[in-house]
Amino acid sequence: MNRIGESYWTAFYTKPRCEKKAADRLLAKGLEVYCPTRTVVKQWSDRKKKVVEPVFSSYLFGKADDLQRVEFLMDPGIVSNVRWLGKPVKISDSEISEIKLFLEEHPVVDVFSKQFAEKEEVNIVSGPLSGFSGTVKYTKGSRIVLRVESLGLELQAEVSINRLEKIR
């Protein structure tokens, strides 16, 4: 149980693509915020560009007591506090330190929050097979082998997990 005024790390869910802006506004208010980022090279049709993006999409971490937590929630980019068993999630200092250390040692990192089960139906949302649907055969690291039936033929394709979404 936290004593009144005791700060703890917690996670906040942000609006899509608002992690860095929300973190900047909260830092300007003097709050302790951590938004882990990575540098990636993005390819457009006419150029390549290095872009800094959050490691955890739609999440940032803040260290606050119960009163300061309300200040986080008042930011227009914050949707809600991440909850566990009905209470704001509490993250230990050591876990935040481990994330920071890991990102210092491994600046190029991919985080996969999507999980797919065998025989699950999915849509392919980007790439050369965009618009097709398929059935998950098995997972192979960050890629998934799909069975795609089209034109009366069965095609097995290895697709990046980031190009898929579950059929609801």
N, C-alpha and C. Protein backbone atom coordinates (compact mmCIF):
# COMPACT_ATOMS: atom_id res chain seq x y z
N MET A 1 0.84 -1.18 0.00
CA MET A 1 0.00 0.00 0.00
C MET A 1 0.89 1.24 0.00
N ASN A 2 0.59 2.20 -0.83
CA ASN A 2 1.36 3.45 -0.89
C ASN A 2 0.95 4.39 0.21
N ARG A 3 1.95 5.04 0.76
CA ARG A 3 1.66 6.10 1.73
C ARG A 3 1.27 7.34 0.95
N ILE A 4 0.51 8.22 1.59
CA ILE A 4 0.08 9.47 0.94
C ILE A 4 1.30 10.25 0.51
N GLY A 5 1.30 10.72 -0.73
CA GLY A 5 2.41 11.52 -1.24
C GLY A 5 3.57 10.70 -1.78
N GLU A 6 3.52 9.38 -1.68
CA GLU A 6 4.60 8.53 -2.17
C GLU A 6 4.47 8.36 -3.69
N SER A 7 5.54 8.65 -4.41
CA SER A 7 5.52 8.54 -5.87
C SER A 7 5.80 7.11 -6.31
N TYR A 8 5.20 6.75 -7.43
CA TYR A 8 5.42 5.43 -8.02
C TYR A 8 5.29 5.57 -9.54
N TRP A 9 5.94 4.67 -10.26
CA TRP A 9 5.82 4.66 -11.71
C TRP A 9 4.50 4.00 -12.08
N THR A 10 3.84 4.57 -13.08
CA THR A 10 2.62 3.99 -13.60
C THR A 10 2.59 4.21 -15.11
N ALA A 11 1.72 3.49 -15.80
CA ALA A 11 1.62 3.61 -17.26
C ALA A 11 0.32 4.33 -17.62
N PHE A 12 0.40 5.12 -18.67
CA PHE A 12 -0.76 5.84 -19.18
C PHE A 12 -0.98 5.46 -20.63
N TYR A 13 -2.25 5.31 -20.99
CA TYR A 13 -2.63 5.03 -22.36
C TYR A 13 -2.88 6.38 -23.03
N THR A 14 -2.27 6.60 -24.21
CA THR A 14 -2.39 7.87 -24.91
C THR A 14 -3.24 7.73 -26.17
N LYS A 15 -3.65 8.86 -26.69
CA LYS A 15 -4.29 8.86 -28.00
C LYS A 15 -3.25 8.37 -29.02
N PRO A 16 -3.70 7.80 -30.12
CA PRO A 16 -2.74 7.32 -31.13
C PRO A 16 -1.80 8.44 -31.59
N ARG A 17 -0.53 8.10 -31.65
CA ARG A 17 0.53 8.99 -32.14
C ARG A 17 0.69 10.27 -31.32
N CYS A 18 0.30 10.24 -30.06
CA CYS A 18 0.41 11.42 -29.19
C CYS A 18 1.42 11.22 -28.06
N GLU A 19 2.16 10.11 -28.07
CA GLU A 19 3.04 9.79 -26.94
C GLU A 19 4.07 10.88 -26.69
N LYS A 20 4.81 11.28 -27.73
CA LYS A 20 5.90 12.25 -27.55
C LYS A 20 5.38 13.64 -27.20
N LYS A 21 4.29 14.07 -27.84
CA LYS A 21 3.74 15.40 -27.55
C LYS A 21 3.21 15.47 -26.12
N ALA A 22 2.52 14.41 -25.69
CA ALA A 22 2.01 14.38 -24.32
C ALA A 22 3.17 14.40 -23.34
N ALA A 23 4.21 13.61 -23.62
CA ALA A 23 5.38 13.57 -22.74
C ALA A 23 6.03 14.96 -22.64
N ASP A 24 6.16 15.64 -23.76
CA ASP A 24 6.76 16.99 -23.76
C ASP A 24 5.93 17.96 -22.92
N ARG A 25 4.61 17.93 -23.07
CA ARG A 25 3.74 18.84 -22.28
C ARG A 25 3.86 18.53 -20.79
N LEU A 26 3.88 17.26 -20.45
CA LEU A 26 3.95 16.87 -19.03
C LEU A 26 5.31 17.22 -18.43
N LEU A 27 6.38 17.05 -19.21
CA LEU A 27 7.71 17.45 -18.74
C LEU A 27 7.76 18.96 -18.50
N ALA A 28 7.12 19.73 -19.37
CA ALA A 28 7.09 21.19 -19.22
C ALA A 28 6.37 21.60 -17.93
N LYS A 29 5.44 20.77 -17.46
CA LYS A 29 4.73 21.03 -16.20
C LYS A 29 5.56 20.59 -14.99
N GLY A 30 6.74 20.01 -15.23
CA GLY A 30 7.60 19.58 -14.14
C GLY A 30 7.33 18.17 -13.64
N LEU A 31 6.56 17.41 -14.41
CA LEU A 31 6.26 16.03 -14.01
C LEU A 31 7.33 15.09 -14.55
N GLU A 32 7.54 13.98 -13.86
CA GLU A 32 8.54 13.00 -14.28
C GLU A 32 7.88 12.01 -15.24
N VAL A 33 8.36 12.02 -16.50
CA VAL A 33 7.77 11.23 -17.56
C VAL A 33 8.87 10.45 -18.28
N TYR A 34 8.52 9.26 -18.73
CA TYR A 34 9.45 8.46 -19.53
C TYR A 34 8.69 7.90 -20.72
N CYS A 35 9.11 8.31 -21.90
CA CYS A 35 8.55 7.82 -23.16
C CYS A 35 9.70 7.20 -23.94
N PRO A 36 9.90 5.87 -23.80
CA PRO A 36 11.02 5.23 -24.50
C PRO A 36 10.87 5.37 -26.02
N THR A 37 11.95 5.74 -26.69
CA THR A 37 11.92 5.93 -28.14
C THR A 37 13.05 5.15 -28.80
N ARG A 38 12.92 4.99 -30.10
CA ARG A 38 13.95 4.35 -30.91
C ARG A 38 14.03 5.11 -32.23
N THR A 39 15.16 5.01 -32.89
CA THR A 39 15.33 5.64 -34.19
C THR A 39 15.22 4.55 -35.25
N VAL A 40 14.36 4.78 -36.21
CA VAL A 40 14.18 3.83 -37.30
C VAL A 40 14.30 4.58 -38.62
N VAL A 41 14.67 3.85 -39.66
CA VAL A 41 14.74 4.43 -40.99
C VAL A 41 13.45 4.08 -41.71
N LYS A 42 12.72 5.11 -42.13
CA LYS A 42 11.46 4.93 -42.87
C LYS A 42 11.73 5.13 -44.35
N GLN A 43 11.14 4.27 -45.16
CA GLN A 43 11.31 4.33 -46.61
C GLN A 43 10.04 4.88 -47.25
N TRP A 44 10.17 5.97 -47.97
CA TRP A 44 9.09 6.50 -48.79
C TRP A 44 9.46 6.21 -50.23
N SER A 45 8.56 6.48 -51.14
CA SER A 45 8.84 6.17 -52.54
C SER A 45 10.02 6.98 -53.09
N ASP A 46 10.23 8.18 -52.55
CA ASP A 46 11.28 9.05 -53.08
C ASP A 46 12.46 9.28 -52.15
N ARG A 47 12.39 8.78 -50.92
CA ARG A 47 13.51 9.05 -49.99
C ARG A 47 13.45 8.13 -48.78
N LYS A 48 14.56 8.15 -48.04
CA LYS A 48 14.63 7.48 -46.74
C LYS A 48 14.86 8.56 -45.69
N LYS A 49 14.31 8.34 -44.51
CA LYS A 49 14.47 9.33 -43.45
C LYS A 49 14.54 8.63 -42.11
N LYS A 50 15.43 9.11 -41.22
CA LYS A 50 15.49 8.60 -39.86
C LYS A 50 14.40 9.28 -39.04
N VAL A 51 13.62 8.47 -38.33
CA VAL A 51 12.50 8.97 -37.55
C VAL A 51 12.60 8.42 -36.14
N VAL A 52 12.36 9.27 -35.15
CA VAL A 52 12.32 8.83 -33.76
C VAL A 52 10.87 8.51 -33.43
N GLU A 53 10.64 7.26 -33.00
CA GLU A 53 9.27 6.86 -32.68
C GLU A 53 9.24 6.14 -31.34
N PRO A 54 8.10 6.15 -30.67
CA PRO A 54 7.98 5.48 -29.38
C PRO A 54 8.15 3.96 -29.53
N VAL A 55 8.75 3.35 -28.54
CA VAL A 55 8.90 1.89 -28.53
C VAL A 55 7.56 1.24 -28.25
N PHE A 56 6.80 1.81 -27.31
CA PHE A 56 5.50 1.27 -26.95
C PHE A 56 4.41 2.19 -27.52
N SER A 57 3.76 1.76 -28.58
CA SER A 57 2.70 2.56 -29.20
C SER A 57 1.58 2.85 -28.22
N SER A 58 1.21 4.11 -28.13
CA SER A 58 0.07 4.58 -27.31
C SER A 58 0.27 4.43 -25.80
N TYR A 59 1.53 4.34 -25.35
CA TYR A 59 1.79 4.25 -23.91
C TYR A 59 2.94 5.19 -23.54
N LEU A 60 2.88 5.72 -22.34
CA LEU A 60 4.03 6.39 -21.74
C LEU A 60 3.98 6.14 -20.24
N PHE A 61 5.10 6.36 -19.59
CA PHE A 61 5.22 6.10 -18.16
C PHE A 61 5.38 7.42 -17.41
N GLY A 62 4.83 7.48 -16.23
CA GLY A 62 4.95 8.66 -15.40
C GLY A 62 5.19 8.26 -13.96
N LYS A 63 6.00 9.06 -13.27
CA LYS A 63 6.25 8.83 -11.84
C LYS A 63 5.48 9.91 -11.09
N ALA A 64 4.53 9.47 -10.27
CA ALA A 64 3.66 10.44 -9.61
C ALA A 64 3.06 9.85 -8.36
N ASP A 65 2.61 10.74 -7.48
CA ASP A 65 1.78 10.29 -6.36
C ASP A 65 0.33 10.37 -6.85
N ASP A 66 -0.61 10.05 -5.99
CA ASP A 66 -2.01 10.00 -6.42
C ASP A 66 -2.53 11.36 -6.89
N LEU A 67 -2.05 12.46 -6.31
CA LEU A 67 -2.50 13.79 -6.74
C LEU A 67 -1.90 14.16 -8.09
N GLN A 68 -0.60 13.89 -8.28
CA GLN A 68 0.05 14.21 -9.55
C GLN A 68 -0.51 13.35 -10.68
N ARG A 69 -0.94 12.14 -10.37
CA ARG A 69 -1.51 11.24 -11.38
C ARG A 69 -2.71 11.90 -12.06
N VAL A 70 -3.48 12.68 -11.28
CA VAL A 70 -4.63 13.39 -11.84
C VAL A 70 -4.16 14.44 -12.85
N GLU A 71 -3.01 15.08 -12.60
CA GLU A 71 -2.46 16.05 -13.56
C GLU A 71 -2.14 15.38 -14.89
N PHE A 72 -1.60 14.16 -14.82
CA PHE A 72 -1.32 13.41 -16.05
C PHE A 72 -2.62 13.20 -16.82
N LEU A 73 -3.66 12.79 -16.12
CA LEU A 73 -4.93 12.46 -16.75
C LEU A 73 -5.63 13.68 -17.36
N MET A 74 -5.25 14.88 -16.91
CA MET A 74 -5.85 16.11 -17.45
C MET A 74 -5.22 16.51 -18.79
N ASP A 75 -4.09 15.92 -19.16
CA ASP A 75 -3.44 16.25 -20.42
C ASP A 75 -4.32 15.78 -21.58
N PRO A 76 -4.48 16.60 -22.62
CA PRO A 76 -5.36 16.21 -23.73
C PRO A 76 -4.89 14.98 -24.51
N GLY A 77 -3.63 14.61 -24.40
CA GLY A 77 -3.13 13.43 -25.11
C GLY A 77 -3.27 12.13 -24.34
N ILE A 78 -3.60 12.23 -23.05
CA ILE A 78 -3.74 11.04 -22.21
C ILE A 78 -5.19 10.57 -22.22
N VAL A 79 -5.40 9.29 -22.48
CA VAL A 79 -6.75 8.73 -22.51
C VAL A 79 -7.12 8.22 -21.12
N SER A 80 -6.24 7.42 -20.53
CA SER A 80 -6.53 6.85 -19.22
C SER A 80 -5.27 6.29 -18.59
N ASN A 81 -5.40 5.92 -17.34
CA ASN A 81 -4.34 5.23 -16.62
C ASN A 81 -4.50 3.74 -16.92
N VAL A 82 -3.40 3.07 -17.14
CA VAL A 82 -3.47 1.62 -17.31
C VAL A 82 -3.79 1.03 -15.95
N ARG A 83 -4.75 0.12 -15.91
CA ARG A 83 -5.21 -0.43 -14.63
C ARG A 83 -4.95 -1.92 -14.55
N TRP A 84 -4.73 -2.39 -13.33
CA TRP A 84 -4.57 -3.80 -13.02
C TRP A 84 -5.40 -4.08 -11.79
N LEU A 85 -6.35 -4.99 -11.91
CA LEU A 85 -7.26 -5.33 -10.82
C LEU A 85 -8.01 -4.10 -10.30
N GLY A 86 -8.38 -3.22 -11.21
CA GLY A 86 -9.19 -2.06 -10.87
C GLY A 86 -8.42 -0.88 -10.30
N LYS A 87 -7.10 -1.00 -10.17
CA LYS A 87 -6.30 0.10 -9.63
C LYS A 87 -5.22 0.47 -10.64
N PRO A 88 -4.73 1.73 -10.58
CA PRO A 88 -3.65 2.12 -11.49
C PRO A 88 -2.46 1.17 -11.32
N VAL A 89 -1.93 0.72 -12.44
CA VAL A 89 -0.80 -0.21 -12.41
C VAL A 89 0.41 0.48 -11.76
N LYS A 90 1.13 -0.26 -10.95
CA LYS A 90 2.34 0.27 -10.31
C LYS A 90 3.53 -0.51 -10.85
N ILE A 91 4.50 0.26 -11.35
CA ILE A 91 5.69 -0.32 -11.97
C ILE A 91 6.87 0.02 -11.10
N SER A 92 7.70 -0.96 -10.82
CA SER A 92 8.84 -0.73 -9.92
C SER A 92 9.92 0.10 -10.63
N ASP A 93 10.69 0.81 -9.82
CA ASP A 93 11.81 1.60 -10.36
C ASP A 93 12.77 0.70 -11.14
N SER A 94 12.97 -0.53 -10.65
CA SER A 94 13.91 -1.44 -11.31
C SER A 94 13.43 -1.84 -12.70
N GLU A 95 12.12 -1.98 -12.89
CA GLU A 95 11.60 -2.32 -14.22
C GLU A 95 11.82 -1.18 -15.21
N ILE A 96 11.61 0.05 -14.77
CA ILE A 96 11.86 1.20 -15.63
C ILE A 96 13.35 1.28 -15.95
N SER A 97 14.19 1.06 -14.95
CA SER A 97 15.65 1.08 -15.16
C SER A 97 16.07 0.00 -16.15
N GLU A 98 15.44 -1.17 -16.06
CA GLU A 98 15.77 -2.27 -16.99
C GLU A 98 15.40 -1.91 -18.42
N ILE A 99 14.25 -1.25 -18.60
CA ILE A 99 13.85 -0.82 -19.95
C ILE A 99 14.88 0.18 -20.48
N LYS A 100 15.27 1.16 -19.65
CA LYS A 100 16.25 2.16 -20.08
C LYS A 100 17.58 1.51 -20.44
N LEU A 101 18.05 0.59 -19.59
CA LEU A 101 19.32 -0.10 -19.84
C LEU A 101 19.24 -0.94 -21.11
N PHE A 102 18.16 -1.66 -21.28
CA PHE A 102 17.98 -2.49 -22.47
C PHE A 102 18.03 -1.64 -23.74
N LEU A 103 17.34 -0.50 -23.73
CA LEU A 103 17.30 0.36 -24.91
C LEU A 103 18.65 1.03 -25.18
N GLU A 104 19.44 1.27 -24.13
CA GLU A 104 20.79 1.80 -24.33
C GLU A 104 21.67 0.76 -24.99
N GLU A 105 21.54 -0.50 -24.57
CA GLU A 105 22.37 -1.58 -25.11
C GLU A 105 21.88 -2.07 -26.46
N HIS A 106 20.58 -1.93 -26.73
CA HIS A 106 19.98 -2.42 -27.98
C HIS A 106 19.14 -1.30 -28.59
N PRO A 107 19.80 -0.34 -29.24
CA PRO A 107 19.05 0.81 -29.76
C PRO A 107 18.06 0.46 -30.88
N VAL A 108 18.28 -0.66 -31.57
CA VAL A 108 17.35 -1.09 -32.60
C VAL A 108 16.54 -2.23 -32.01
N VAL A 109 15.26 -1.98 -31.78
CA VAL A 109 14.43 -2.97 -31.10
C VAL A 109 13.02 -2.94 -31.70
N ASP A 110 12.41 -4.09 -31.80
CA ASP A 110 11.02 -4.18 -32.23
C ASP A 110 10.20 -4.74 -31.08
N VAL A 111 9.04 -4.17 -30.86
CA VAL A 111 8.13 -4.64 -29.82
C VAL A 111 6.87 -5.13 -30.51
N PHE A 112 6.48 -6.33 -30.22
CA PHE A 112 5.29 -6.91 -30.83
C PHE A 112 4.25 -7.11 -29.76
N SER A 113 3.19 -6.33 -29.83
CA SER A 113 2.12 -6.47 -28.85
C SER A 113 0.99 -7.33 -29.40
N LYS A 114 1.06 -7.62 -30.69
CA LYS A 114 0.03 -8.45 -31.29
C LYS A 114 0.38 -9.92 -31.08
N GLN A 115 -0.64 -10.70 -30.82
CA GLN A 115 -0.46 -12.14 -30.70
C GLN A 115 -1.57 -12.82 -31.47
N PHE A 116 -1.22 -13.85 -32.20
CA PHE A 116 -2.19 -14.57 -32.99
C PHE A 116 -2.08 -16.06 -32.68
N ALA A 117 -3.22 -16.70 -32.61
CA ALA A 117 -3.27 -18.14 -32.32
C ALA A 117 -3.37 -18.92 -33.63
N GLU A 118 -2.95 -20.17 -33.60
CA GLU A 118 -3.12 -21.03 -34.76
C GLU A 118 -4.59 -21.11 -35.13
N LYS A 119 -4.86 -21.15 -36.41
CA LYS A 119 -6.20 -21.25 -36.99
C LYS A 119 -7.03 -19.97 -36.83
N GLU A 120 -6.41 -18.89 -36.34
CA GLU A 120 -7.13 -17.63 -36.19
C GLU A 120 -7.22 -16.94 -37.56
N GLU A 121 -8.37 -16.33 -37.82
CA GLU A 121 -8.59 -15.61 -39.08
C GLU A 121 -8.04 -14.19 -38.94
N VAL A 122 -7.25 -13.74 -39.95
CA VAL A 122 -6.65 -12.41 -39.91
C VAL A 122 -6.78 -11.73 -41.27
N ASN A 123 -6.72 -10.40 -41.25
CA ASN A 123 -6.66 -9.60 -42.46
C ASN A 123 -5.23 -9.11 -42.63
N ILE A 124 -4.76 -9.05 -43.86
CA ILE A 124 -3.45 -8.48 -44.15
C ILE A 124 -3.70 -7.01 -44.50
N VAL A 125 -3.15 -6.10 -43.69
CA VAL A 125 -3.49 -4.68 -43.82
C VAL A 125 -2.48 -3.85 -44.60
N SER A 126 -1.29 -4.42 -44.88
CA SER A 126 -0.31 -3.69 -45.68
C SER A 126 0.61 -4.68 -46.37
N GLY A 127 1.35 -4.19 -47.35
CA GLY A 127 2.27 -5.04 -48.08
C GLY A 127 1.65 -5.57 -49.36
N PRO A 128 2.36 -6.45 -50.05
CA PRO A 128 1.89 -6.93 -51.35
C PRO A 128 0.60 -7.74 -51.28
N LEU A 129 0.28 -8.34 -50.14
CA LEU A 129 -0.95 -9.13 -50.00
C LEU A 129 -2.06 -8.33 -49.31
N SER A 130 -1.89 -7.03 -49.21
CA SER A 130 -2.87 -6.17 -48.55
C SER A 130 -4.27 -6.41 -49.11
N GLY A 131 -5.25 -6.53 -48.21
CA GLY A 131 -6.62 -6.74 -48.63
C GLY A 131 -7.04 -8.20 -48.59
N PHE A 132 -6.07 -9.11 -48.50
CA PHE A 132 -6.41 -10.52 -48.42
C PHE A 132 -6.64 -10.93 -46.97
N SER A 133 -7.36 -12.02 -46.79
CA SER A 133 -7.56 -12.62 -45.47
C SER A 133 -6.91 -13.99 -45.48
N GLY A 134 -6.57 -14.47 -44.28
CA GLY A 134 -5.95 -15.78 -44.20
C GLY A 134 -6.13 -16.41 -42.85
N THR A 135 -5.63 -17.62 -42.73
CA THR A 135 -5.69 -18.38 -41.49
C THR A 135 -4.26 -18.61 -41.00
N VAL A 136 -4.00 -18.34 -39.73
CA VAL A 136 -2.67 -18.52 -39.16
C VAL A 136 -2.34 -20.01 -39.08
N LYS A 137 -1.22 -20.39 -39.69
CA LYS A 137 -0.75 -21.78 -39.58
C LYS A 137 0.15 -21.91 -38.36
N TYR A 138 1.18 -21.02 -38.28
CA TYR A 138 2.06 -21.00 -37.12
C TYR A 138 2.86 -19.71 -37.10
N THR A 139 3.43 -19.41 -35.92
CA THR A 139 4.24 -18.21 -35.74
C THR A 139 5.71 -18.59 -35.82
N LYS A 140 6.49 -17.71 -36.44
CA LYS A 140 7.92 -17.95 -36.66
C LYS A 140 8.65 -16.66 -36.30
N GLY A 141 8.94 -16.46 -35.00
CA GLY A 141 9.56 -15.22 -34.54
C GLY A 141 8.60 -14.06 -34.69
N SER A 142 9.01 -13.04 -35.47
CA SER A 142 8.15 -11.87 -35.67
C SER A 142 7.33 -12.00 -36.95
N ARG A 143 7.32 -13.20 -37.52
CA ARG A 143 6.58 -13.44 -38.75
C ARG A 143 5.58 -14.56 -38.53
N ILE A 144 4.56 -14.56 -39.35
CA ILE A 144 3.51 -15.57 -39.24
C ILE A 144 3.32 -16.22 -40.59
N VAL A 145 3.18 -17.53 -40.59
CA VAL A 145 2.89 -18.24 -41.82
C VAL A 145 1.38 -18.38 -41.92
N LEU A 146 0.83 -17.89 -43.03
CA LEU A 146 -0.61 -17.86 -43.25
C LEU A 146 -1.00 -18.78 -44.38
N ARG A 147 -2.22 -19.27 -44.31
CA ARG A 147 -2.85 -19.96 -45.43
C ARG A 147 -3.84 -18.96 -46.01
N VAL A 148 -3.59 -18.57 -47.26
CA VAL A 148 -4.46 -17.62 -47.94
C VAL A 148 -5.11 -18.35 -49.11
N GLU A 149 -6.44 -18.40 -49.12
CA GLU A 149 -7.15 -19.06 -50.21
C GLU A 149 -7.72 -17.98 -51.12
N SER A 150 -7.31 -18.01 -52.37
CA SER A 150 -7.77 -17.02 -53.33
C SER A 150 -7.82 -17.68 -54.70
N LEU A 151 -8.83 -17.34 -55.44
CA LEU A 151 -8.99 -17.85 -56.79
C LEU A 151 -8.98 -19.39 -56.83
N GLY A 152 -9.44 -20.00 -55.74
CA GLY A 152 -9.51 -21.45 -55.70
C GLY A 152 -8.16 -22.12 -55.45
N LEU A 153 -7.13 -21.34 -55.17
CA LEU A 153 -5.79 -21.88 -54.89
C LEU A 153 -5.44 -21.61 -53.44
N GLU A 154 -4.60 -22.45 -52.87
CA GLU A 154 -4.12 -22.20 -51.52
C GLU A 154 -2.69 -21.72 -51.61
N LEU A 155 -2.44 -20.58 -50.97
CA LEU A 155 -1.12 -19.96 -50.97
C LEU A 155 -0.65 -19.88 -49.53
N GLN A 156 0.57 -20.31 -49.27
CA GLN A 156 1.13 -20.13 -47.93
C GLN A 156 2.13 -18.99 -48.02
N ALA A 157 1.95 -18.00 -47.16
CA ALA A 157 2.80 -16.82 -47.18
C ALA A 157 3.33 -16.52 -45.79
N GLU A 158 4.58 -16.11 -45.73
CA GLU A 158 5.17 -15.67 -44.47
C GLU A 158 5.02 -14.15 -44.44
N VAL A 159 4.29 -13.65 -43.43
CA VAL A 159 3.95 -12.23 -43.36
C VAL A 159 4.40 -11.67 -42.02
N SER A 160 4.92 -10.45 -42.03
CA SER A 160 5.31 -9.79 -40.79
C SER A 160 4.09 -9.60 -39.90
N ILE A 161 4.28 -9.82 -38.61
CA ILE A 161 3.19 -9.71 -37.64
C ILE A 161 2.59 -8.30 -37.63
N ASN A 162 3.39 -7.29 -37.98
CA ASN A 162 2.91 -5.90 -37.99
C ASN A 162 1.98 -5.61 -39.15
N ARG A 163 1.87 -6.51 -40.11
CA ARG A 163 1.01 -6.30 -41.28
C ARG A 163 -0.36 -6.97 -41.12
N LEU A 164 -0.61 -7.53 -39.94
CA LEU A 164 -1.85 -8.29 -39.72
C LEU A 164 -2.74 -7.67 -38.67
N GLU A 165 -4.04 -7.92 -38.80
CA GLU A 165 -4.98 -7.58 -37.73
C GLU A 165 -6.01 -8.69 -37.64
N LYS A 166 -6.49 -8.90 -36.43
CA LYS A 166 -7.49 -9.95 -36.21
C LYS A 166 -8.80 -9.55 -36.87
N ILE A 167 -9.51 -10.54 -37.37
CA ILE A 167 -10.85 -10.32 -37.88
C ILE A 167 -11.78 -10.37 -36.69
N ARG A 168 -12.53 -9.33 -36.47
CA ARG A 168 -13.36 -9.24 -35.27
C ARG A 168 -14.65 -9.98 -35.44
